[in-house]
Amino acid sequence: MKLEQPEQGNAKQPLLGHPRLLRLPAVLDRCGCSKAYLYREIAAGRFPRPITIGHRYVAWNEAAVDDWILRRIIAADQQPSPAFN
């Protein structure tokens, strides 16, 4: 897949379809979970592994995180609703 930058004067525009990396605070915010839960899910193979981007820095592929969220939503929609009394 070839990504091309749209032309608009001399201003640089973001590439369409360009992958993004998310740092830990952004991942936790998107997923709505704790750091401990996230790392338990990674250890169990249920959450995407982070990508090393520096000596002490990791990030997650945004598309992989979004896919994990979507799979959780789909799984929740397929479960019967709990009965509330």
C-alpha atoms as a PDB file:
ATOM      1  CA  MET A   1       0.000   0.000   0.000  1.00  0.00           C
ATOM      2  CA  LYS A   2       1.501   3.283  -1.089  1.00  0.00           C
ATOM      3  CA  LEU A   3       0.753   6.306   1.072  1.00  0.00           C
ATOM      4  CA  GLU A   4       0.800   9.667  -0.613  1.00  0.00           C
ATOM      5  CA  GLN A   5       0.767  13.055   1.018  1.00  0.00           C
ATOM      6  CA  PRO A   6      -2.030  15.331  -0.250  1.00  0.00           C
ATOM      7  CA  GLU A   7      -0.801  18.499  -1.904  1.00  0.00           C
ATOM      8  CA  GLN A   8      -2.069  21.739  -0.422  1.00  0.00           C
ATOM      9  CA  GLY A   9       0.322  24.602  -0.915  1.00  0.00           C
ATOM     10  CA  ASN A  10       3.554  24.124   1.018  1.00  0.00           C
ATOM     11  CA  ALA A  11       1.820  22.913   4.205  1.00  0.00           C
ATOM     12  CA  LYS A  12       2.483  19.292   5.112  1.00  0.00           C
ATOM     13  CA  GLN A  13      -0.643  17.251   5.735  1.00  0.00           C
ATOM     14  CA  PRO A  14      -0.770  14.000   7.743  1.00  0.00           C
ATOM     15  CA  LEU A  15      -0.567  10.866   5.614  1.00  0.00           C
ATOM     16  CA  LEU A  16      -3.888   9.107   5.202  1.00  0.00           C
ATOM     17  CA  GLY A  17      -3.805   5.591   6.575  1.00  0.00           C
ATOM     18  CA  HIS A  18      -0.511   6.270   8.332  1.00  0.00           C
ATOM     19  CA  PRO A  19      -0.033   4.065  11.402  1.00  0.00           C
ATOM     20  CA  ARG A  20       0.226   5.773  14.799  1.00  0.00           C
ATOM     21  CA  LEU A  21       1.803   4.692  18.048  1.00  0.00           C
ATOM     22  CA  LEU A  22       0.126   5.302  21.395  1.00  0.00           C
ATOM     23  CA  ARG A  23       1.999   5.739  24.662  1.00  0.00           C
ATOM     24  CA  LEU A  24       0.779   4.072  27.861  1.00  0.00           C
ATOM     25  CA  PRO A  25      -1.431   6.933  29.182  1.00  0.00           C
ATOM     26  CA  ALA A  26      -3.299   7.080  25.858  1.00  0.00           C
ATOM     27  CA  VAL A  27      -3.782   3.290  25.826  1.00  0.00           C
ATOM     28  CA  LEU A  28      -5.098   3.280  29.389  1.00  0.00           C
ATOM     29  CA  ASP A  29      -7.450   6.153  28.566  1.00  0.00           C
ATOM     30  CA  ARG A  30      -8.794   4.414  25.461  1.00  0.00           C
ATOM     31  CA  CYS A  31      -9.252   1.053  27.152  1.00  0.00           C
ATOM     32  CA  GLY A  32     -10.543   2.366  30.458  1.00  0.00           C
ATOM     33  CA  CYS A  33      -8.481  -0.088  32.473  1.00  0.00           C
ATOM     34  CA  SER A  34      -5.676   0.017  35.002  1.00  0.00           C
ATOM     35  CA  LYS A  35      -2.006  -0.422  34.220  1.00  0.00           C
ATOM     36  CA  ALA A  36      -1.927  -3.681  36.206  1.00  0.00           C
ATOM     37  CA  TYR A  37      -4.892  -5.110  34.282  1.00  0.00           C
ATOM     38  CA  LEU A  38      -3.355  -4.096  30.953  1.00  0.00           C
ATOM     39  CA  TYR A  39      -0.063  -5.838  31.716  1.00  0.00           C
ATOM     40  CA  ARG A  40      -1.902  -8.965  32.958  1.00  0.00           C
ATOM     41  CA  GLU A  41      -3.764  -9.083  29.655  1.00  0.00           C
ATOM     42  CA  ILE A  42      -0.489  -8.700  27.734  1.00  0.00           C
ATOM     43  CA  ALA A  43       1.130 -11.515  29.757  1.00  0.00           C
ATOM     44  CA  ALA A  44      -1.877 -13.740  29.038  1.00  0.00           C
ATOM     45  CA  GLY A  45      -1.664 -12.970  25.302  1.00  0.00           C
ATOM     46  CA  ARG A  46      -5.031 -11.211  25.223  1.00  0.00           C
ATOM     47  CA  PHE A  47      -3.758  -7.685  24.511  1.00  0.00           C
ATOM     48  CA  PRO A  48      -1.268  -6.523  21.861  1.00  0.00           C
ATOM     49  CA  ARG A  49       2.351  -6.392  22.988  1.00  0.00           C
ATOM     50  CA  PRO A  50       4.008  -2.975  23.067  1.00  0.00           C
ATOM     51  CA  ILE A  51       6.628  -1.930  20.549  1.00  0.00           C
ATOM     52  CA  THR A  52       9.978  -0.728  21.874  1.00  0.00           C
ATOM     53  CA  ILE A  53      10.625   2.769  20.529  1.00  0.00           C
ATOM     54  CA  GLY A  54      13.601   3.684  22.677  1.00  0.00           C
ATOM     55  CA  HIS A  55      15.795   2.542  25.526  1.00  0.00           C
ATOM     56  CA  ARG A  56      13.048   3.061  28.118  1.00  0.00           C
ATOM     57  CA  TYR A  57      10.062   3.802  25.891  1.00  0.00           C
ATOM     58  CA  VAL A  58       7.319   1.588  24.535  1.00  0.00           C
ATOM     59  CA  ALA A  59       4.192   2.329  22.550  1.00  0.00           C
ATOM     60  CA  TRP A  60       1.292   0.396  21.082  1.00  0.00           C
ATOM     61  CA  ASN A  61       0.058   0.239  17.516  1.00  0.00           C
ATOM     62  CA  GLU A  62      -3.129   2.309  17.480  1.00  0.00           C
ATOM     63  CA  ALA A  63      -4.881  -0.032  15.031  1.00  0.00           C
ATOM     64  CA  ALA A  64      -4.121  -3.078  17.219  1.00  0.00           C
ATOM     65  CA  VAL A  65      -5.515  -1.310  20.309  1.00  0.00           C
ATOM     66  CA  ASP A  66      -8.633  -0.235  18.408  1.00  0.00           C
ATOM     67  CA  ASP A  67      -9.080  -3.808  17.153  1.00  0.00           C
ATOM     68  CA  TRP A  68      -8.854  -5.125  20.741  1.00  0.00           C
ATOM     69  CA  ILE A  69     -11.515  -2.628  21.846  1.00  0.00           C
ATOM     70  CA  LEU A  70     -13.789  -3.567  18.936  1.00  0.00           C
ATOM     71  CA  ARG A  71     -13.425  -7.295  19.693  1.00  0.00           C
ATOM     72  CA  ARG A  72     -14.380  -6.634  23.342  1.00  0.00           C
ATOM     73  CA  ILE A  73     -17.491  -4.700  22.230  1.00  0.00           C
ATOM     74  CA  ILE A  74     -18.520  -7.462  19.812  1.00  0.00           C
ATOM     75  CA  ALA A  75     -18.022 -10.146  22.483  1.00  0.00           C
ATOM     76  CA  ALA A  76     -20.107  -8.136  24.968  1.00  0.00           C
ATOM     77  CA  ASP A  77     -22.902  -7.698  22.401  1.00  0.00           C
ATOM     78  CA  GLN A  78     -23.043 -11.470  21.852  1.00  0.00           C
ATOM     79  CA  GLN A  79     -23.487 -12.272  25.554  1.00  0.00           C
ATOM     80  CA  PRO A  80     -26.986 -12.394  27.041  1.00  0.00           C
ATOM     81  CA  SER A  81     -27.929  -9.358  29.068  1.00  0.00           C
ATOM     82  CA  PRO A  82     -27.860  -9.848  32.840  1.00  0.00           C
ATOM     83  CA  ALA A  83     -31.258  -9.876  34.517  1.00  0.00           C
ATOM     84  CA  PHE A  84     -31.764  -6.839  36.732  1.00  0.00           C
ATOM     85  CA  ASN A  85     -34.301  -7.170  39.521  1.00  0.00           C
END
